[in-house]
Amino acid sequence: MDAHKGQWVKIYRVILTKEERAPQVPEDTRQVPLEMWVKGELLEQEASVGDQVTVKTLTGRMESGRLEEVEPSYRHSFGEFVPELHQVGITLREILFGGGSR
């Protein structure tokens, strides 16, 4: 078993298949399913990654889906360094404040 009751987990569920998507959404959007990933406390006694489980979110919602990850961490950043944006910042400081850095 990978997870126990009360552990923080992330689940996945398809909300709408691509066939169920509304006809008025953009074509590229209609080509993929509407998916949901949500985190919460596991309600089952024990579960393994891939099992169908139910979680209770921080807001008290009950959601069901496939167990994706146990004790998920944050993996985000502001992206890679962009030299053009760096130069824009220097130029803006010169325009606004009359000098490079303040």
PDB file of N, CA and C in Angstrom:
ATOM      1  N   MET A   1       0.837  -1.195   0.000  1.00  0.00           N
ATOM      2  CA  MET A   1       0.000   0.000   0.000  1.00  0.00           C
ATOM      3  C   MET A   1       0.881   1.257   0.000  1.00  0.00           C
ATOM      4  N   ASP A   2       0.460   2.228  -0.785  1.00  0.00           N
ATOM      5  CA  ASP A   2       1.211   3.468  -0.895  1.00  0.00           C
ATOM      6  C   ASP A   2       0.681   4.565   0.031  1.00  0.00           C
ATOM      7  N   ALA A   3      -0.606   4.502   0.354  1.00  0.00           N
ATOM      8  CA  ALA A   3      -1.207   5.581   1.143  1.00  0.00           C
ATOM      9  C   ALA A   3      -2.151   5.011   2.196  1.00  0.00           C
ATOM     10  N   HIS A   4      -2.284   5.779   3.275  1.00  0.00           N
ATOM     11  CA  HIS A   4      -3.156   5.386   4.379  1.00  0.00           C
ATOM     12  C   HIS A   4      -4.159   6.500   4.650  1.00  0.00           C
ATOM     13  N   LYS A   5      -5.237   6.152   5.297  1.00  0.00           N
ATOM     14  CA  LYS A   5      -6.302   7.097   5.619  1.00  0.00           C
ATOM     15  C   LYS A   5      -5.720   8.349   6.274  1.00  0.00           C
ATOM     16  N   GLY A   6      -6.163   9.499   5.788  1.00  0.00           N
ATOM     17  CA  GLY A   6      -5.736  10.775   6.344  1.00  0.00           C
ATOM     18  C   GLY A   6      -4.518  11.379   5.665  1.00  0.00           C
ATOM     19  N   GLN A   7      -3.810  10.596   4.842  1.00  0.00           N
ATOM     20  CA  GLN A   7      -2.646  11.152   4.145  1.00  0.00           C
ATOM     21  C   GLN A   7      -3.096  12.112   3.050  1.00  0.00           C
ATOM     22  N   TRP A   8      -2.254  13.106   2.782  1.00  0.00           N
ATOM     23  CA  TRP A   8      -2.498  14.100   1.736  1.00  0.00           C
ATOM     24  C   TRP A   8      -2.134  13.471   0.396  1.00  0.00           C
ATOM     25  N   VAL A   9      -3.087  13.447  -0.527  1.00  0.00           N
ATOM     26  CA  VAL A   9      -2.865  12.808  -1.819  1.00  0.00           C
ATOM     27  C   VAL A   9      -3.429  13.670  -2.944  1.00  0.00           C
ATOM     28  N   LYS A  10      -3.044  13.318  -4.159  1.00  0.00           N
ATOM     29  CA  LYS A  10      -3.588  13.968  -5.350  1.00  0.00           C
ATOM     30  C   LYS A  10      -4.297  12.915  -6.171  1.00  0.00           C
ATOM     31  N   ILE A  11      -5.519  13.261  -6.644  1.00  0.00           N
ATOM     32  CA  ILE A  11      -6.286  12.349  -7.479  1.00  0.00           C
ATOM     33  C   ILE A  11      -6.531  12.986  -8.849  1.00  0.00           C
ATOM     34  N   TYR A  12      -6.935  12.151  -9.802  1.00  0.00           N
ATOM     35  CA  TYR A  12      -7.204  12.569 -11.180  1.00  0.00           C
ATOM     36  C   TYR A  12      -8.531  11.983 -11.616  1.00  0.00           C
ATOM     37  N   ARG A  13      -9.286  12.788 -12.394  1.00  0.00           N
ATOM     38  CA  ARG A  13     -10.548  12.296 -12.952  1.00  0.00           C
ATOM     39  C   ARG A  13     -10.855  13.046 -14.242  1.00  0.00           C
ATOM     40  N   VAL A  14     -11.406  12.351 -15.199  1.00  0.00           N
ATOM     41  CA  VAL A  14     -11.900  12.988 -16.415  1.00  0.00           C
ATOM     42  C   VAL A  14     -13.326  13.445 -16.119  1.00  0.00           C
ATOM     43  N   ILE A  15     -13.558  14.754 -16.255  1.00  0.00           N
ATOM     44  CA  ILE A  15     -14.892  15.322 -16.001  1.00  0.00           C
ATOM     45  C   ILE A  15     -15.779  15.133 -17.231  1.00  0.00           C
ATOM     46  N   LEU A  16     -15.237  15.485 -18.404  1.00  0.00           N
ATOM     47  CA  LEU A  16     -15.951  15.305 -19.668  1.00  0.00           C
ATOM     48  C   LEU A  16     -14.990  14.689 -20.685  1.00  0.00           C
ATOM     49  N   THR A  17     -15.432  13.652 -21.371  1.00  0.00           N
ATOM     50  CA  THR A  17     -14.622  13.125 -22.465  1.00  0.00           C
ATOM     51  C   THR A  17     -14.670  14.127 -23.612  1.00  0.00           C
ATOM     52  N   LYS A  18     -13.788  13.962 -24.596  1.00  0.00           N
ATOM     53  CA  LYS A  18     -13.797  14.917 -25.702  1.00  0.00           C
ATOM     54  C   LYS A  18     -15.117  14.855 -26.469  1.00  0.00           C
ATOM     55  N   GLU A  19     -15.780  13.695 -26.464  1.00  0.00           N
ATOM     56  CA  GLU A  19     -17.080  13.573 -27.132  1.00  0.00           C
ATOM     57  C   GLU A  19     -18.187  14.319 -26.384  1.00  0.00           C
ATOM     58  N   GLU A  20     -18.001  14.533 -25.096  1.00  0.00           N
ATOM     59  CA  GLU A  20     -19.020  15.209 -24.278  1.00  0.00           C
ATOM     60  C   GLU A  20     -18.830  16.719 -24.221  1.00  0.00           C
ATOM     61  N   ARG A  21     -17.722  17.231 -24.771  1.00  0.00           N
ATOM     62  CA  ARG A  21     -17.452  18.668 -24.716  1.00  0.00           C
ATOM     63  C   ARG A  21     -18.513  19.442 -25.480  1.00  0.00           C
ATOM     64  N   ALA A  22     -18.812  20.660 -25.029  1.00  0.00           N
ATOM     65  CA  ALA A  22     -19.822  21.507 -25.658  1.00  0.00           C
ATOM     66  C   ALA A  22     -19.385  21.910 -27.066  1.00  0.00           C
ATOM     67  N   PRO A  23     -20.319  21.983 -28.002  1.00  0.00           N
ATOM     68  CA  PRO A  23     -19.964  22.311 -29.382  1.00  0.00           C
ATOM     69  C   PRO A  23     -19.445  23.741 -29.551  1.00  0.00           C
ATOM     70  N   GLN A  24     -19.768  24.640 -28.629  1.00  0.00           N
ATOM     71  CA  GLN A  24     -19.353  26.031 -28.778  1.00  0.00           C
ATOM     72  C   GLN A  24     -17.930  26.322 -28.274  1.00  0.00           C
ATOM     73  N   VAL A  25     -17.268  25.338 -27.662  1.00  0.00           N
ATOM     74  CA  VAL A  25     -15.896  25.579 -27.219  1.00  0.00           C
ATOM     75  C   VAL A  25     -14.968  25.536 -28.434  1.00  0.00           C
ATOM     76  N   PRO A  26     -13.809  26.192 -28.356  1.00  0.00           N
ATOM     77  CA  PRO A  26     -12.885  26.197 -29.498  1.00  0.00           C
ATOM     78  C   PRO A  26     -12.518  24.774 -29.934  1.00  0.00           C
ATOM     79  N   GLU A  27     -12.238  24.628 -31.222  1.00  0.00           N
ATOM     80  CA  GLU A  27     -11.940  23.321 -31.806  1.00  0.00           C
ATOM     81  C   GLU A  27     -10.814  22.594 -31.081  1.00  0.00           C
ATOM     82  N   ASP A  28      -9.714  23.309 -30.778  1.00  0.00           N
ATOM     83  CA  ASP A  28      -8.590  22.638 -30.110  1.00  0.00           C
ATOM     84  C   ASP A  28      -8.974  22.173 -28.713  1.00  0.00           C
ATOM     85  N   THR A  29      -9.870  22.883 -28.041  1.00  0.00           N
ATOM     86  CA  THR A  29     -10.348  22.493 -26.720  1.00  0.00           C
ATOM     87  C   THR A  29     -11.233  21.254 -26.813  1.00  0.00           C
ATOM     88  N   ARG A  30     -12.049  21.183 -27.869  1.00  0.00           N
ATOM     89  CA  ARG A  30     -12.943  20.030 -28.056  1.00  0.00           C
ATOM     90  C   ARG A  30     -12.180  18.737 -28.310  1.00  0.00           C
ATOM     91  N   GLN A  31     -10.931  18.830 -28.695  1.00  0.00           N
ATOM     92  CA  GLN A  31     -10.158  17.642 -29.046  1.00  0.00           C
ATOM     93  C   GLN A  31      -9.564  16.912 -27.836  1.00  0.00           C
ATOM     94  N   VAL A  32      -9.710  17.495 -26.650  1.00  0.00           N
ATOM     95  CA  VAL A  32      -9.140  16.881 -25.446  1.00  0.00           C
ATOM     96  C   VAL A  32     -10.203  16.802 -24.352  1.00  0.00           C
ATOM     97  N   PRO A  33     -10.074  15.857 -23.440  1.00  0.00           N
ATOM     98  CA  PRO A  33     -11.049  15.774 -22.348  1.00  0.00           C
ATOM     99  C   PRO A  33     -10.854  16.901 -21.336  1.00  0.00           C
ATOM    100  N   LEU A  34     -11.907  17.195 -20.599  1.00  0.00           N
ATOM    101  CA  LEU A  34     -11.821  18.137 -19.470  1.00  0.00           C
ATOM    102  C   LEU A  34     -11.372  17.301 -18.276  1.00  0.00           C
ATOM    103  N   GLU A  35     -10.200  17.619 -17.747  1.00  0.00           N
ATOM    104  CA  GLU A  35      -9.598  16.815 -16.684  1.00  0.00           C
ATOM    105  C   GLU A  35      -9.537  17.594 -15.376  1.00  0.00           C
ATOM    106  N   MET A  36      -9.492  16.856 -14.274  1.00  0.00           N
ATOM    107  CA  MET A  36      -9.397  17.474 -12.953  1.00  0.00           C
ATOM    108  C   MET A  36      -8.329  16.749 -12.140  1.00  0.00           C
ATOM    109  N   TRP A  37      -7.484  17.515 -11.508  1.00  0.00           N
ATOM    110  CA  TRP A  37      -6.554  17.011 -10.502  1.00  0.00           C
ATOM    111  C   TRP A  37      -6.908  17.748  -9.229  1.00  0.00           C
ATOM    112  N   VAL A  38      -7.036  17.030  -8.134  1.00  0.00           N
ATOM    113  CA  VAL A  38      -7.403  17.677  -6.879  1.00  0.00           C
ATOM    114  C   VAL A  38      -6.653  17.001  -5.742  1.00  0.00           C
ATOM    115  N   LYS A  39      -6.355  17.780  -4.706  1.00  0.00           N
ATOM    116  CA  LYS A  39      -5.643  17.254  -3.543  1.00  0.00           C
ATOM    117  C   LYS A  39      -6.586  17.222  -2.346  1.00  0.00           C
ATOM    118  N   GLY A  40      -6.349  16.242  -1.479  1.00  0.00           N
ATOM    119  CA  GLY A  40      -7.159  16.145  -0.286  1.00  0.00           C
ATOM    120  C   GLY A  40      -6.674  15.012   0.592  1.00  0.00           C
ATOM    121  N   GLU A  41      -7.379  14.821   1.704  1.00  0.00           N
ATOM    122  CA  GLU A  41      -7.049  13.742   2.645  1.00  0.00           C
ATOM    123  C   GLU A  41      -7.741  12.463   2.190  1.00  0.00           C
ATOM    124  N   LEU A  42      -6.976  11.396   2.110  1.00  0.00           N
ATOM    125  CA  LEU A  42      -7.508  10.101   1.692  1.00  0.00           C
ATOM    126  C   LEU A  42      -8.520   9.595   2.710  1.00  0.00           C
ATOM    127  N   LEU A  43      -9.658   9.128   2.232  1.00  0.00           N
ATOM    128  CA  LEU A  43     -10.695   8.620   3.124  1.00  0.00           C
ATOM    129  C   LEU A  43     -10.662   7.096   3.254  1.00  0.00           C
ATOM    130  N   GLU A  44     -10.079   6.386   2.282  1.00  0.00           N
ATOM    131  CA  GLU A  44      -9.953   4.926   2.381  1.00  0.00           C
ATOM    132  C   GLU A  44      -8.884   4.565   3.411  1.00  0.00           C
ATOM    133  N   GLN A  45      -9.009   3.370   3.981  1.00  0.00           N
ATOM    134  CA  GLN A  45      -8.021   2.917   4.961  1.00  0.00           C
ATOM    135  C   GLN A  45      -6.646   2.776   4.320  1.00  0.00           C
ATOM    136  N   GLU A  46      -6.594   2.152   3.153  1.00  0.00           N
ATOM    137  CA  GLU A  46      -5.333   1.961   2.440  1.00  0.00           C
ATOM    138  C   GLU A  46      -5.619   2.022   0.948  1.00  0.00           C
ATOM    139  N   ALA A  47      -4.637   2.500   0.177  1.00  0.00           N
ATOM    140  CA  ALA A  47      -4.787   2.560  -1.278  1.00  0.00           C
ATOM    141  C   ALA A  47      -3.421   2.602  -1.930  1.00  0.00           C
ATOM    142  N   SER A  48      -3.390   2.166  -3.180  1.00  0.00           N
ATOM    143  CA  SER A  48      -2.171   2.225  -3.980  1.00  0.00           C
ATOM    144  C   SER A  48      -2.379   3.188  -5.140  1.00  0.00           C
ATOM    145  N   VAL A  49      -1.284   3.723  -5.649  1.00  0.00           N
ATOM    146  CA  VAL A  49      -1.366   4.583  -6.821  1.00  0.00           C
ATOM    147  C   VAL A  49      -2.086   3.805  -7.915  1.00  0.00           C
ATOM    148  N   GLY A  50      -3.056   4.447  -8.542  1.00  0.00           N
ATOM    149  CA  GLY A  50      -3.867   3.810  -9.579  1.00  0.00           C
ATOM    150  C   GLY A  50      -5.236   3.376  -9.095  1.00  0.00           C
ATOM    151  N   ASP A  51      -5.417   3.237  -7.771  1.00  0.00           N
ATOM    152  CA  ASP A  51      -6.714   2.839  -7.217  1.00  0.00           C
ATOM    153  C   ASP A  51      -7.710   3.993  -7.303  1.00  0.00           C
ATOM    154  N   GLN A  52      -9.007   3.648  -7.395  1.00  0.00           N
ATOM    155  CA  GLN A  52     -10.069   4.632  -7.303  1.00  0.00           C
ATOM    156  C   GLN A  52     -10.300   4.925  -5.822  1.00  0.00           C
ATOM    157  N   VAL A  53     -10.229   6.210  -5.453  1.00  0.00           N
ATOM    158  CA  VAL A  53     -10.337   6.599  -4.051  1.00  0.00           C
ATOM    159  C   VAL A  53     -11.211   7.834  -3.909  1.00  0.00           C
ATOM    160  N   THR A  54     -11.530   8.167  -2.682  1.00  0.00           N
ATOM    161  CA  THR A  54     -12.256   9.392  -2.365  1.00  0.00           C
ATOM    162  C   THR A  54     -11.404  10.203  -1.402  1.00  0.00           C
ATOM    163  N   VAL A  55     -11.394  11.518  -1.618  1.00  0.00           N
ATOM    164  CA  VAL A  55     -10.657  12.428  -0.742  1.00  0.00           C
ATOM    165  C   VAL A  55     -11.582  13.515  -0.233  1.00  0.00           C
ATOM    166  N   LYS A  56     -11.173  14.119   0.871  1.00  0.00           N
ATOM    167  CA  LYS A  56     -11.858  15.295   1.403  1.00  0.00           C
ATOM    168  C   LYS A  56     -10.900  16.462   1.229  1.00  0.00           C
ATOM    169  N   THR A  57     -11.329  17.480   0.460  1.00  0.00           N
ATOM    170  CA  THR A  57     -10.470  18.630   0.190  1.00  0.00           C
ATOM    171  C   THR A  57     -10.440  19.564   1.391  1.00  0.00           C
ATOM    172  N   LEU A  58      -9.555  20.557   1.336  1.00  0.00           N
ATOM    173  CA  LEU A  58      -9.478  21.534   2.428  1.00  0.00           C
ATOM    174  C   LEU A  58     -10.776  22.310   2.613  1.00  0.00           C
ATOM    175  N   THR A  59     -11.553  22.437   1.540  1.00  0.00           N
ATOM    176  CA  THR A  59     -12.831  23.154   1.645  1.00  0.00           C
ATOM    177  C   THR A  59     -13.978  22.243   2.059  1.00  0.00           C
ATOM    178  N   GLY A  60     -13.679  20.941   2.307  1.00  0.00           N
ATOM    179  CA  GLY A  60     -14.692  20.013   2.782  1.00  0.00           C
ATOM    180  C   GLY A  60     -15.415  19.264   1.676  1.00  0.00           C
ATOM    181  N   ARG A  61     -15.057  19.494   0.411  1.00  0.00           N
ATOM    182  CA  ARG A  61     -15.679  18.760  -0.695  1.00  0.00           C
ATOM    183  C   ARG A  61     -15.189  17.328  -0.715  1.00  0.00           C
ATOM    184  N   MET A  62     -16.050  16.426  -1.116  1.00  0.00           N
ATOM    185  CA  MET A  62     -15.671  15.032  -1.325  1.00  0.00           C
ATOM    186  C   MET A  62     -15.510  14.839  -2.824  1.00  0.00           C
ATOM    187  N   GLU A  63     -14.367  14.345  -3.228  1.00  0.00           N
ATOM    188  CA  GLU A  63     -14.095  14.096  -4.643  1.00  0.00           C
ATOM    189  C   GLU A  63     -13.531  12.694  -4.801  1.00  0.00           C
ATOM    190  N   SER A  64     -13.899  12.050  -5.900  1.00  0.00           N
ATOM    191  CA  SER A  64     -13.406  10.709  -6.201  1.00  0.00           C
ATOM    192  C   SER A  64     -12.590  10.741  -7.477  1.00  0.00           C
ATOM    193  N   GLY A  65     -11.621   9.841  -7.555  1.00  0.00           N
ATOM    194  CA  GLY A  65     -10.803   9.744  -8.741  1.00  0.00           C
ATOM    195  C   GLY A  65      -9.701   8.726  -8.547  1.00  0.00           C
ATOM    196  N   ARG A  66      -8.812   8.663  -9.530  1.00  0.00           N
ATOM    197  CA  ARG A  66      -7.686   7.720  -9.490  1.00  0.00           C
ATOM    198  C   ARG A  66      -6.538   8.322  -8.692  1.00  0.00           C
ATOM    199  N   LEU A  67      -6.034   7.583  -7.720  1.00  0.00           N
ATOM    200  CA  LEU A  67      -4.925   8.058  -6.900  1.00  0.00           C
ATOM    201  C   LEU A  67      -3.689   8.234  -7.784  1.00  0.00           C
ATOM    202  N   GLU A  68      -3.169   9.463  -7.834  1.00  0.00           N
ATOM    203  CA  GLU A  68      -2.024   9.798  -8.679  1.00  0.00           C
ATOM    204  C   GLU A  68      -0.728   9.900  -7.888  1.00  0.00           C
ATOM    205  N   GLU A  69      -0.810  10.511  -6.706  1.00  0.00           N
ATOM    206  CA  GLU A  69       0.424  10.805  -5.974  1.00  0.00           C
ATOM    207  C   GLU A  69       0.129  10.894  -4.478  1.00  0.00           C
ATOM    208  N   VAL A  70       1.057  10.401  -3.682  1.00  0.00           N
ATOM    209  CA  VAL A  70       0.951  10.459  -2.227  1.00  0.00           C
ATOM    210  C   VAL A  70       1.849  11.584  -1.737  1.00  0.00           C
ATOM    211  N   GLU A  71       1.306  12.439  -0.879  1.00  0.00           N
ATOM    212  CA  GLU A  71       2.011  13.611  -0.345  1.00  0.00           C
ATOM    213  C   GLU A  71       2.688  14.401  -1.476  1.00  0.00           C
ATOM    214  N   PRO A  72       1.867  14.927  -2.415  1.00  0.00           N
ATOM    215  CA  PRO A  72       2.409  15.649  -3.570  1.00  0.00           C
ATOM    216  C   PRO A  72       3.103  16.941  -3.155  1.00  0.00           C
ATOM    217  N   SER A  73       4.150  17.260  -3.877  1.00  0.00           N
ATOM    218  CA  SER A  73       4.865  18.504  -3.605  1.00  0.00           C
ATOM    219  C   SER A  73       4.570  19.499  -4.716  1.00  0.00           C
ATOM    220  N   TYR A  74       4.913  20.745  -4.480  1.00  0.00           N
ATOM    221  CA  TYR A  74       4.743  21.777  -5.497  1.00  0.00           C
ATOM    222  C   TYR A  74       5.924  21.734  -6.441  1.00  0.00           C
ATOM    223  N   ARG A  75       5.646  21.798  -7.742  1.00  0.00           N
ATOM    224  CA  ARG A  75       6.705  21.775  -8.757  1.00  0.00           C
ATOM    225  C   ARG A  75       6.448  22.873  -9.775  1.00  0.00           C
ATOM    226  N   HIS A  76       6.501  24.096  -9.336  1.00  0.00           N
ATOM    227  CA  HIS A  76       6.280  25.188 -10.268  1.00  0.00           C
ATOM    228  C   HIS A  76       7.391  26.212 -10.139  1.00  0.00           C
ATOM    229  N   SER A  77       7.506  27.001 -11.159  1.00  0.00           N
ATOM    230  CA  SER A  77       8.490  28.072 -11.155  1.00  0.00           C
ATOM    231  C   SER A  77       7.933  29.202 -12.002  1.00  0.00           C
ATOM    232  N   PHE A  78       8.706  30.241 -12.133  1.00  0.00           N
ATOM    233  CA  PHE A  78       8.316  31.323 -13.015  1.00  0.00           C
ATOM    234  C   PHE A  78       8.941  31.126 -14.378  1.00  0.00           C
ATOM    235  N   GLY A  79       9.412  29.937 -14.663  1.00  0.00           N
ATOM    236  CA  GLY A  79       9.949  29.609 -15.967  1.00  0.00           C
ATOM    237  C   GLY A  79      11.429  29.878 -16.086  1.00  0.00           C
ATOM    238  N   GLU A  80      11.916  29.689 -17.296  1.00  0.00           N
ATOM    239  CA  GLU A  80      13.326  29.898 -17.599  1.00  0.00           C
ATOM    240  C   GLU A  80      13.637  31.389 -17.702  1.00  0.00           C
ATOM    241  N   PHE A  81      14.894  31.718 -17.547  1.00  0.00           N
ATOM    242  CA  PHE A  81      15.368  33.087 -17.705  1.00  0.00           C
ATOM    243  C   PHE A  81      15.103  33.531 -19.144  1.00  0.00           C
ATOM    244  N   VAL A  82      14.534  34.746 -19.310  1.00  0.00           N
ATOM    245  CA  VAL A  82      14.245  35.293 -20.636  1.00  0.00           C
ATOM    246  C   VAL A  82      15.072  36.558 -20.809  1.00  0.00           C
ATOM    247  N   PRO A  83      16.149  36.515 -21.616  1.00  0.00           N
ATOM    248  CA  PRO A  83      17.035  37.672 -21.767  1.00  0.00           C
ATOM    249  C   PRO A  83      16.307  38.927 -22.226  1.00  0.00           C
ATOM    250  N   GLU A  84      15.319  38.778 -23.104  1.00  0.00           N
ATOM    251  CA  GLU A  84      14.574  39.941 -23.608  1.00  0.00           C
ATOM    252  C   GLU A  84      13.828  40.647 -22.475  1.00  0.00           C
ATOM    253  N   LEU A  85      13.229  39.864 -21.581  1.00  0.00           N
ATOM    254  CA  LEU A  85      12.511  40.483 -20.459  1.00  0.00           C
ATOM    255  C   LEU A  85      13.473  41.153 -19.492  1.00  0.00           C
ATOM    256  N   HIS A  86      14.631  40.585 -19.328  1.00  0.00           N
ATOM    257  CA  HIS A  86      15.651  41.210 -18.483  1.00  0.00           C
ATOM    258  C   HIS A  86      16.010  42.586 -19.041  1.00  0.00           C
ATOM    259  N   GLN A  87      16.193  42.660 -20.345  1.00  0.00           N
ATOM    260  CA  GLN A  87      16.528  43.931 -20.979  1.00  0.00           C
ATOM    261  C   GLN A  87      15.372  44.920 -20.864  1.00  0.00           C
ATOM    262  N   VAL A  88      14.147  44.450 -20.989  1.00  0.00           N
ATOM    263  CA  VAL A  88      12.972  45.320 -20.830  1.00  0.00           C
ATOM    264  C   VAL A  88      12.981  45.932 -19.438  1.00  0.00           C
ATOM    265  N   GLY A  89      13.295  45.150 -18.414  1.00  0.00           N
ATOM    266  CA  GLY A  89      13.350  45.677 -17.046  1.00  0.00           C
ATOM    267  C   GLY A  89      14.388  46.772 -16.899  1.00  0.00           C
ATOM    268  N   ILE A  90      15.545  46.565 -17.471  1.00  0.00           N
ATOM    269  CA  ILE A  90      16.606  47.591 -17.416  1.00  0.00           C
ATOM    270  C   ILE A  90      16.140  48.852 -18.117  1.00  0.00           C
ATOM    271  N   THR A  91      15.582  48.713 -19.310  1.00  0.00           N
ATOM    272  CA  THR A  91      15.114  49.874 -20.084  1.00  0.00           C
ATOM    273  C   THR A  91      14.016  50.623 -19.342  1.00  0.00           C
ATOM    274  N   LEU A  92      13.072  49.904 -18.770  1.00  0.00           N
ATOM    275  CA  LEU A  92      11.983  50.555 -18.024  1.00  0.00           C
ATOM    276  C   LEU A  92      12.511  51.332 -16.825  1.00  0.00           C
ATOM    277  N   ARG A  93      13.473  50.762 -16.106  1.00  0.00           N
ATOM    278  CA  ARG A  93      14.042  51.496 -14.961  1.00  0.00           C
ATOM    279  C   ARG A  93      14.721  52.775 -15.427  1.00  0.00           C
ATOM    280  N   GLU A  94      15.393  52.725 -16.556  1.00  0.00           N
ATOM    281  CA  GLU A  94      16.029  53.927 -17.090  1.00  0.00           C
ATOM    282  C   GLU A  94      14.994  54.974 -17.456  1.00  0.00           C
ATOM    283  N   ILE A  95      13.916  54.554 -18.086  1.00  0.00           N
ATOM    284  CA  ILE A  95      12.849  55.487 -18.487  1.00  0.00           C
ATOM    285  C   ILE A  95      12.146  56.068 -17.260  1.00  0.00           C
ATOM    286  N   LEU A  96      11.797  55.223 -16.328  1.00  0.00           N
ATOM    287  CA  LEU A  96      11.004  55.660 -15.174  1.00  0.00           C
ATOM    288  C   LEU A  96      11.804  56.395 -14.119  1.00  0.00           C
ATOM    289  N   PHE A  97      13.030  55.969 -13.882  1.00  0.00           N
ATOM    290  CA  PHE A  97      13.793  56.509 -12.779  1.00  0.00           C
ATOM    291  C   PHE A  97      15.077  57.205 -13.190  1.00  0.00           C
ATOM    292  N   GLY A  98      15.369  57.233 -14.462  1.00  0.00           N
ATOM    293  CA  GLY A  98      16.555  57.922 -14.936  1.00  0.00           C
ATOM    294  C   GLY A  98      17.857  57.224 -14.615  1.00  0.00           C
ATOM    295  N   GLY A  99      17.837  55.922 -14.423  1.00  0.00           N
ATOM    296  CA  GLY A  99      19.063  55.192 -14.129  1.00  0.00           C
ATOM    297  C   GLY A  99      18.826  53.707 -14.179  1.00  0.00           C
ATOM    298  N   GLY A 100      19.881  52.933 -14.162  1.00  0.00           N
ATOM    299  CA  GLY A 100      19.809  51.472 -14.270  1.00  0.00           C
ATOM    300  C   GLY A 100      19.110  50.817 -13.103  1.00  0.00           C
ATOM    301  N   SER A 101      19.734  50.828 -11.952  1.00  0.00           N
ATOM    302  CA  SER A 101      19.123  50.147 -10.800  1.00  0.00           C
ATOM    303  C   SER A 101      18.942  51.126  -9.666  1.00  0.00           C
ATOM    304  N   ARG A 102      17.958  50.877  -8.843  1.00  0.00           N
ATOM    305  CA  ARG A 102      17.648  51.740  -7.702  1.00  0.00           C
ATOM    306  C   ARG A 102      17.596  50.908  -6.477  1.00  0.00           C
TER     307      ARG A 102
END
